[in-house]
């Protein structure tokens, strides 16, 4: 009888070890769920970025306003009938008020 109890106890402990630490264990499942949630959040962020880029591409293809705005912002260009004024912050460049 002691032999049977010992065998059953060893079998039980072996199964418990596999459940908690072996391949496909609860710890591994928990870790994979955490990675999945992280990946889903990253995918959502990238999906939003892609949508914004797609909207910008469509805007650039269809309208001149986006191209003009981008030329002003990134290249510092102005239209022919405009006058350019540059305002300098004195505090930023060490001047006195």
C-alpha atoms as a PDB file:
ATOM      1  CA  UNK A   1       0.000   0.000   0.000  1.00  0.00           C
ATOM      2  CA  UNK A   2       2.857   2.398   0.810  1.00  0.00           C
ATOM      3  CA  UNK A   3       4.344   1.627  -2.585  1.00  0.00           C
ATOM      4  CA  UNK A   4       1.097   2.623  -4.356  1.00  0.00           C
ATOM      5  CA  UNK A   5       0.765   5.869  -2.390  1.00  0.00           C
ATOM      6  CA  UNK A   6       4.383   6.753  -3.171  1.00  0.00           C
ATOM      7  CA  UNK A   7       3.830   6.046  -6.869  1.00  0.00           C
ATOM      8  CA  UNK A   8       0.646   8.133  -6.964  1.00  0.00           C
ATOM      9  CA  UNK A   9       2.338  10.982  -5.097  1.00  0.00           C
ATOM     10  CA  UNK A  10       5.313  10.926  -7.524  1.00  0.00           C
ATOM     11  CA  UNK A  11       2.910  10.924 -10.477  1.00  0.00           C
ATOM     12  CA  UNK A  12       0.945  13.800  -8.984  1.00  0.00           C
ATOM     13  CA  UNK A  13       4.110  15.840  -8.377  1.00  0.00           C
ATOM     14  CA  UNK A  14       5.331  15.139 -11.917  1.00  0.00           C
ATOM     15  CA  UNK A  15       2.046  16.370 -13.362  1.00  0.00           C
ATOM     16  CA  UNK A  16       2.104  19.448 -11.142  1.00  0.00           C
ATOM     17  CA  UNK A  17       5.634  20.251 -12.278  1.00  0.00           C
ATOM     18  CA  UNK A  18       4.576  20.033 -15.921  1.00  0.00           C
ATOM     19  CA  UNK A  19       1.524  22.199 -15.207  1.00  0.00           C
ATOM     20  CA  UNK A  20       3.520  24.989 -13.573  1.00  0.00           C
ATOM     21  CA  UNK A  21       6.954  24.831 -15.235  1.00  0.00           C
ATOM     22  CA  UNK A  22       6.870  22.582 -18.318  1.00  0.00           C
ATOM     23  CA  UNK A  23       6.106  23.339 -21.945  1.00  0.00           C
ATOM     24  CA  UNK A  24       2.664  24.916 -22.234  1.00  0.00           C
ATOM     25  CA  UNK A  25       2.633  25.664 -18.497  1.00  0.00           C
ATOM     26  CA  UNK A  26       0.441  28.232 -16.847  1.00  0.00           C
ATOM     27  CA  UNK A  27       3.429  30.547 -16.478  1.00  0.00           C
ATOM     28  CA  UNK A  28       4.184  30.313 -20.201  1.00  0.00           C
ATOM     29  CA  UNK A  29       0.533  30.938 -21.098  1.00  0.00           C
ATOM     30  CA  UNK A  30       0.468  34.011 -18.850  1.00  0.00           C
ATOM     31  CA  UNK A  31       3.681  35.299 -20.437  1.00  0.00           C
ATOM     32  CA  UNK A  32       2.308  34.753 -23.957  1.00  0.00           C
ATOM     33  CA  UNK A  33      -0.886  36.620 -23.070  1.00  0.00           C
ATOM     34  CA  UNK A  34       1.178  39.571 -21.852  1.00  0.00           C
ATOM     35  CA  UNK A  35       3.176  39.575 -25.094  1.00  0.00           C
ATOM     36  CA  UNK A  36      -0.059  39.370 -27.089  1.00  0.00           C
ATOM     37  CA  UNK A  37      -1.516  42.407 -25.311  1.00  0.00           C
ATOM     38  CA  UNK A  38       1.694  44.364 -25.899  1.00  0.00           C
ATOM     39  CA  UNK A  39       1.645  43.424 -29.588  1.00  0.00           C
ATOM     40  CA  UNK A  40      -2.029  44.379 -29.919  1.00  0.00           C
ATOM     41  CA  UNK A  41      -1.337  47.806 -28.413  1.00  0.00           C
ATOM     42  CA  UNK A  42       1.608  48.307 -30.753  1.00  0.00           C
ATOM     43  CA  UNK A  43      -0.500  47.220 -33.737  1.00  0.00           C
ATOM     44  CA  UNK A  44      -3.231  49.681 -32.788  1.00  0.00           C
ATOM     45  CA  UNK A  45      -0.696  52.509 -32.557  1.00  0.00           C
ATOM     46  CA  UNK A  46       0.788  51.600 -35.941  1.00  0.00           C
ATOM     47  CA  UNK A  47      -2.688  51.291 -37.463  1.00  0.00           C
ATOM     48  CA  UNK A  48      -3.452  54.861 -36.377  1.00  0.00           C
ATOM     49  CA  UNK A  49      -0.158  56.084 -37.801  1.00  0.00           C
ATOM     50  CA  UNK A  50      -0.842  54.330 -41.095  1.00  0.00           C
ATOM     51  CA  UNK A  51      -4.293  55.896 -41.310  1.00  0.00           C
ATOM     52  CA  UNK A  52      -2.811  59.349 -40.753  1.00  0.00           C
ATOM     53  CA  UNK A  53      -0.178  58.737 -43.431  1.00  0.00           C
ATOM     54  CA  UNK A  54      -2.806  57.433 -45.834  1.00  0.00           C
ATOM     55  CA  UNK A  55      -4.922  60.552 -45.292  1.00  0.00           C
ATOM     56  CA  UNK A  56      -1.870  62.735 -45.904  1.00  0.00           C
ATOM     57  CA  UNK A  57      -1.050  60.876 -49.134  1.00  0.00           C
ATOM     58  CA  UNK A  58      -4.624  61.291 -50.376  1.00  0.00           C
ATOM     59  CA  UNK A  59      -4.520  64.975 -49.446  1.00  0.00           C
ATOM     60  CA  UNK A  60      -1.217  65.456 -51.275  1.00  0.00           C
ATOM     61  CA  UNK A  61      -2.563  63.695 -54.370  1.00  0.00           C
ATOM     62  CA  UNK A  62      -5.810  65.635 -54.556  1.00  0.00           C
ATOM     63  CA  UNK A  63      -5.205  69.138 -53.231  1.00  0.00           C
ATOM     64  CA  UNK A  64      -2.644  71.869 -53.616  1.00  0.00           C
ATOM     65  CA  UNK A  65      -3.278  73.237 -50.126  1.00  0.00           C
ATOM     66  CA  UNK A  66      -1.405  70.385 -48.469  1.00  0.00           C
ATOM     67  CA  UNK A  67       1.544  70.794 -50.809  1.00  0.00           C
ATOM     68  CA  UNK A  68       1.599  74.548 -50.197  1.00  0.00           C
ATOM     69  CA  UNK A  69       1.382  74.086 -46.418  1.00  0.00           C
ATOM     70  CA  UNK A  70       4.202  71.549 -46.474  1.00  0.00           C
ATOM     71  CA  UNK A  71       6.378  73.858 -48.624  1.00  0.00           C
ATOM     72  CA  UNK A  72       5.816  76.678 -46.130  1.00  0.00           C
ATOM     73  CA  UNK A  73       6.501  74.586 -43.051  1.00  0.00           C
ATOM     74  CA  UNK A  74       9.385  72.398 -44.210  1.00  0.00           C
ATOM     75  CA  UNK A  75      11.078  74.522 -46.854  1.00  0.00           C
ATOM     76  CA  UNK A  76      10.293  78.014 -45.594  1.00  0.00           C
ATOM     77  CA  UNK A  77       8.746  79.041 -48.908  1.00  0.00           C
ATOM     78  CA  UNK A  78       6.314  81.931 -49.343  1.00  0.00           C
ATOM     79  CA  UNK A  79       3.921  82.868 -52.151  1.00  0.00           C
ATOM     80  CA  UNK A  80       4.770  85.576 -54.702  1.00  0.00           C
ATOM     81  CA  UNK A  81       2.413  88.205 -53.282  1.00  0.00           C
ATOM     82  CA  UNK A  82       3.353  87.652 -49.620  1.00  0.00           C
ATOM     83  CA  UNK A  83       5.792  89.484 -47.374  1.00  0.00           C
ATOM     84  CA  UNK A  84       7.857  87.467 -44.923  1.00  0.00           C
ATOM     85  CA  UNK A  85       8.286  88.695 -41.347  1.00  0.00           C
ATOM     86  CA  UNK A  86      10.533  86.903 -38.873  1.00  0.00           C
ATOM     87  CA  UNK A  87       9.889  87.564 -35.198  1.00  0.00           C
ATOM     88  CA  UNK A  88      12.877  86.888 -32.949  1.00  0.00           C
ATOM     89  CA  UNK A  89      12.450  86.237 -29.237  1.00  0.00           C
ATOM     90  CA  UNK A  90      15.046  88.394 -27.444  1.00  0.00           C
ATOM     91  CA  UNK A  91      15.111  86.238 -24.329  1.00  0.00           C
ATOM     92  CA  UNK A  92      15.955  83.191 -26.356  1.00  0.00           C
ATOM     93  CA  UNK A  93      18.955  84.845 -27.989  1.00  0.00           C
ATOM     94  CA  UNK A  94      20.324  86.663 -24.953  1.00  0.00           C
ATOM     95  CA  UNK A  95      18.933  90.130 -25.662  1.00  0.00           C
ATOM     96  CA  UNK A  96      17.419  92.407 -23.048  1.00  0.00           C
ATOM     97  CA  UNK A  97      13.843  93.458 -22.841  1.00  0.00           C
END
